[in-house]
Amino acid sequence: MSKERARRRAERLAVLEKEKAARARKVARRQWRRQLVRRLTPPARNAGRLHMRSRGQRVGIVVVPLLAIAAVWLFVPEPALRIVLTTVIVLAAPAFVVVVLGRRF
């Protein structure tokens, strides 16, 4: 009887050891994958600067040039002049934002 119990106990321990080893392999694989992802992911940069401005400023940055473009297309009769003024507004808007609102880093 005691040999039978010892055999069953040894079987249970062997199964537990296998499960423990499988869990350890899984954890090691997960840690290795995390390290690999960390190595391959570029460091976070402050790519966009719009998030550093208030909601009203962001709305103004978008709406004011759009209103200016709409005014140009409504009130300027010549198509060539419309295109030139639209291009000037689009190219000058970023500089205007920096001058009026300042650079925020």
C-alpha atoms as a PDB file:
ATOM      1  CA  MET A   1       0.000   0.000   0.000  1.00  0.00           C
ATOM      2  CA  SER A   2       2.700   2.452   0.915  1.00  0.00           C
ATOM      3  CA  LYS A   3       4.627   1.647  -2.284  1.00  0.00           C
ATOM      4  CA  GLU A   4       1.489   2.448  -4.274  1.00  0.00           C
ATOM      5  CA  ARG A   5       1.078   5.813  -2.480  1.00  0.00           C
ATOM      6  CA  ALA A   6       4.733   6.641  -3.033  1.00  0.00           C
ATOM      7  CA  ARG A   7       4.388   5.816  -6.728  1.00  0.00           C
ATOM      8  CA  ARG A   8       1.270   8.010  -7.096  1.00  0.00           C
ATOM      9  CA  ARG A   9       2.983  10.797  -5.188  1.00  0.00           C
ATOM     10  CA  ALA A  10       6.029  10.543  -7.447  1.00  0.00           C
ATOM     11  CA  GLU A  11       3.729  10.729 -10.495  1.00  0.00           C
ATOM     12  CA  ARG A  12       1.983  13.828  -9.064  1.00  0.00           C
ATOM     13  CA  LEU A  13       5.335  15.453  -8.344  1.00  0.00           C
ATOM     14  CA  ALA A  14       6.569  14.656 -11.850  1.00  0.00           C
ATOM     15  CA  VAL A  15       3.459  16.251 -13.379  1.00  0.00           C
ATOM     16  CA  LEU A  16       3.862  19.294 -11.137  1.00  0.00           C
ATOM     17  CA  GLU A  17       7.521  19.610 -12.119  1.00  0.00           C
ATOM     18  CA  LYS A  18       6.603  19.467 -15.811  1.00  0.00           C
ATOM     19  CA  GLU A  19       3.956  22.174 -15.329  1.00  0.00           C
ATOM     20  CA  LYS A  20       6.394  24.286 -13.329  1.00  0.00           C
ATOM     21  CA  ALA A  21       9.038  23.976 -16.037  1.00  0.00           C
ATOM     22  CA  ALA A  22       6.503  24.888 -18.731  1.00  0.00           C
ATOM     23  CA  ARG A  23       5.423  27.966 -16.733  1.00  0.00           C
ATOM     24  CA  ALA A  24       9.045  28.976 -16.271  1.00  0.00           C
ATOM     25  CA  ARG A  25       9.692  28.651 -20.026  1.00  0.00           C
ATOM     26  CA  LYS A  26       6.582  30.717 -20.747  1.00  0.00           C
ATOM     27  CA  VAL A  27       7.669  33.450 -18.321  1.00  0.00           C
ATOM     28  CA  ALA A  28      11.192  33.474 -19.750  1.00  0.00           C
ATOM     29  CA  ARG A  29       9.814  33.721 -23.300  1.00  0.00           C
ATOM     30  CA  ARG A  30       7.532  36.598 -22.273  1.00  0.00           C
ATOM     31  CA  GLN A  31      10.413  38.465 -20.624  1.00  0.00           C
ATOM     32  CA  TRP A  32      12.632  37.902 -23.675  1.00  0.00           C
ATOM     33  CA  ARG A  33       9.881  39.198 -25.979  1.00  0.00           C
ATOM     34  CA  ARG A  34       9.377  42.301 -23.824  1.00  0.00           C
ATOM     35  CA  GLN A  35      13.099  43.047 -23.869  1.00  0.00           C
ATOM     36  CA  LEU A  36      13.179  42.601 -27.641  1.00  0.00           C
ATOM     37  CA  VAL A  37      10.231  44.946 -28.119  1.00  0.00           C
ATOM     38  CA  ARG A  38      11.847  47.528 -25.843  1.00  0.00           C
ATOM     39  CA  ARG A  39      15.081  47.319 -27.827  1.00  0.00           C
ATOM     40  CA  LEU A  40      13.361  47.589 -31.200  1.00  0.00           C
ATOM     41  CA  THR A  41      10.905  50.344 -30.266  1.00  0.00           C
ATOM     42  CA  PRO A  42      12.362  53.788 -30.853  1.00  0.00           C
ATOM     43  CA  PRO A  43      12.415  56.119 -27.874  1.00  0.00           C
ATOM     44  CA  ALA A  44       9.422  58.398 -27.489  1.00  0.00           C
ATOM     45  CA  ARG A  45       9.926  61.793 -29.017  1.00  0.00           C
ATOM     46  CA  ASN A  46       7.828  64.882 -28.850  1.00  0.00           C
ATOM     47  CA  ALA A  47       6.867  64.604 -32.498  1.00  0.00           C
ATOM     48  CA  GLY A  48       3.719  66.693 -32.390  1.00  0.00           C
ATOM     49  CA  ARG A  49       3.560  70.036 -30.689  1.00  0.00           C
ATOM     50  CA  LEU A  50      -0.189  70.553 -30.882  1.00  0.00           C
ATOM     51  CA  HIS A  51      -0.723  68.565 -27.696  1.00  0.00           C
ATOM     52  CA  MET A  52       1.146  71.270 -25.778  1.00  0.00           C
ATOM     53  CA  ARG A  53      -1.394  73.962 -26.619  1.00  0.00           C
ATOM     54  CA  SER A  54      -4.808  74.582 -25.117  1.00  0.00           C
ATOM     55  CA  ARG A  55      -7.963  73.529 -26.892  1.00  0.00           C
ATOM     56  CA  GLY A  56      -8.778  77.129 -27.842  1.00  0.00           C
ATOM     57  CA  GLN A  57      -5.340  77.623 -29.331  1.00  0.00           C
ATOM     58  CA  ARG A  58      -5.619  74.426 -31.365  1.00  0.00           C
ATOM     59  CA  VAL A  59      -9.032  75.457 -32.645  1.00  0.00           C
ATOM     60  CA  GLY A  60      -7.636  78.864 -33.579  1.00  0.00           C
ATOM     61  CA  ILE A  61      -4.671  77.287 -35.365  1.00  0.00           C
ATOM     62  CA  VAL A  62      -7.096  75.349 -37.555  1.00  0.00           C
ATOM     63  CA  VAL A  63     -10.028  77.760 -37.927  1.00  0.00           C
ATOM     64  CA  VAL A  64      -8.245  81.072 -38.616  1.00  0.00           C
ATOM     65  CA  PRO A  65      -6.371  79.876 -41.739  1.00  0.00           C
ATOM     66  CA  LEU A  66      -9.509  78.117 -42.984  1.00  0.00           C
ATOM     67  CA  LEU A  67     -11.526  81.323 -42.593  1.00  0.00           C
ATOM     68  CA  ALA A  68      -8.802  83.302 -44.364  1.00  0.00           C
ATOM     69  CA  ILE A  69      -8.780  80.811 -47.247  1.00  0.00           C
ATOM     70  CA  ALA A  70     -12.575  80.909 -47.437  1.00  0.00           C
ATOM     71  CA  ALA A  71     -12.482  84.737 -47.523  1.00  0.00           C
ATOM     72  CA  VAL A  72      -9.905  84.658 -50.313  1.00  0.00           C
ATOM     73  CA  TRP A  73     -12.005  82.261 -52.396  1.00  0.00           C
ATOM     74  CA  LEU A  74     -15.188  84.285 -51.783  1.00  0.00           C
ATOM     75  CA  PHE A  75     -13.902  87.804 -52.371  1.00  0.00           C
ATOM     76  CA  VAL A  76     -11.016  87.488 -54.842  1.00  0.00           C
ATOM     77  CA  PRO A  77     -12.271  87.161 -58.433  1.00  0.00           C
ATOM     78  CA  GLU A  78      -9.113  85.976 -60.233  1.00  0.00           C
ATOM     79  CA  PRO A  79      -8.324  82.235 -59.948  1.00  0.00           C
ATOM     80  CA  ALA A  80      -4.544  82.691 -60.219  1.00  0.00           C
ATOM     81  CA  LEU A  81      -4.553  85.217 -57.377  1.00  0.00           C
ATOM     82  CA  ARG A  82      -6.750  82.885 -55.303  1.00  0.00           C
ATOM     83  CA  ILE A  83      -4.215  80.087 -55.676  1.00  0.00           C
ATOM     84  CA  VAL A  84      -1.275  82.376 -54.843  1.00  0.00           C
ATOM     85  CA  LEU A  85      -2.995  83.792 -51.739  1.00  0.00           C
ATOM     86  CA  THR A  86      -4.052  80.322 -50.591  1.00  0.00           C
ATOM     87  CA  THR A  87      -0.453  79.126 -50.946  1.00  0.00           C
ATOM     88  CA  VAL A  88       0.800  82.127 -48.993  1.00  0.00           C
ATOM     89  CA  ILE A  89      -1.696  81.485 -46.201  1.00  0.00           C
ATOM     90  CA  VAL A  90      -0.769  77.798 -46.005  1.00  0.00           C
ATOM     91  CA  LEU A  91       2.955  78.539 -45.951  1.00  0.00           C
ATOM     92  CA  ALA A  92       2.718  81.500 -43.562  1.00  0.00           C
ATOM     93  CA  ALA A  93       0.333  79.907 -41.044  1.00  0.00           C
ATOM     94  CA  PRO A  94       3.030  77.982 -39.095  1.00  0.00           C
ATOM     95  CA  ALA A  95       5.236  81.059 -38.822  1.00  0.00           C
ATOM     96  CA  PHE A  96       2.236  83.117 -37.753  1.00  0.00           C
ATOM     97  CA  VAL A  97       1.401  80.566 -35.032  1.00  0.00           C
ATOM     98  CA  VAL A  98       4.954  80.686 -33.685  1.00  0.00           C
ATOM     99  CA  VAL A  99       5.032  84.500 -33.698  1.00  0.00           C
ATOM    100  CA  VAL A 100       1.636  84.956 -32.078  1.00  0.00           C
ATOM    101  CA  LEU A 101       1.492  82.015 -29.686  1.00  0.00           C
ATOM    102  CA  GLY A 102       5.211  81.488 -29.117  1.00  0.00           C
ATOM    103  CA  ARG A 103       7.244  78.322 -29.140  1.00  0.00           C
ATOM    104  CA  ARG A 104       6.371  75.945 -26.342  1.00  0.00           C
ATOM    105  CA  PHE A 105       8.824  73.127 -25.659  1.00  0.00           C
END
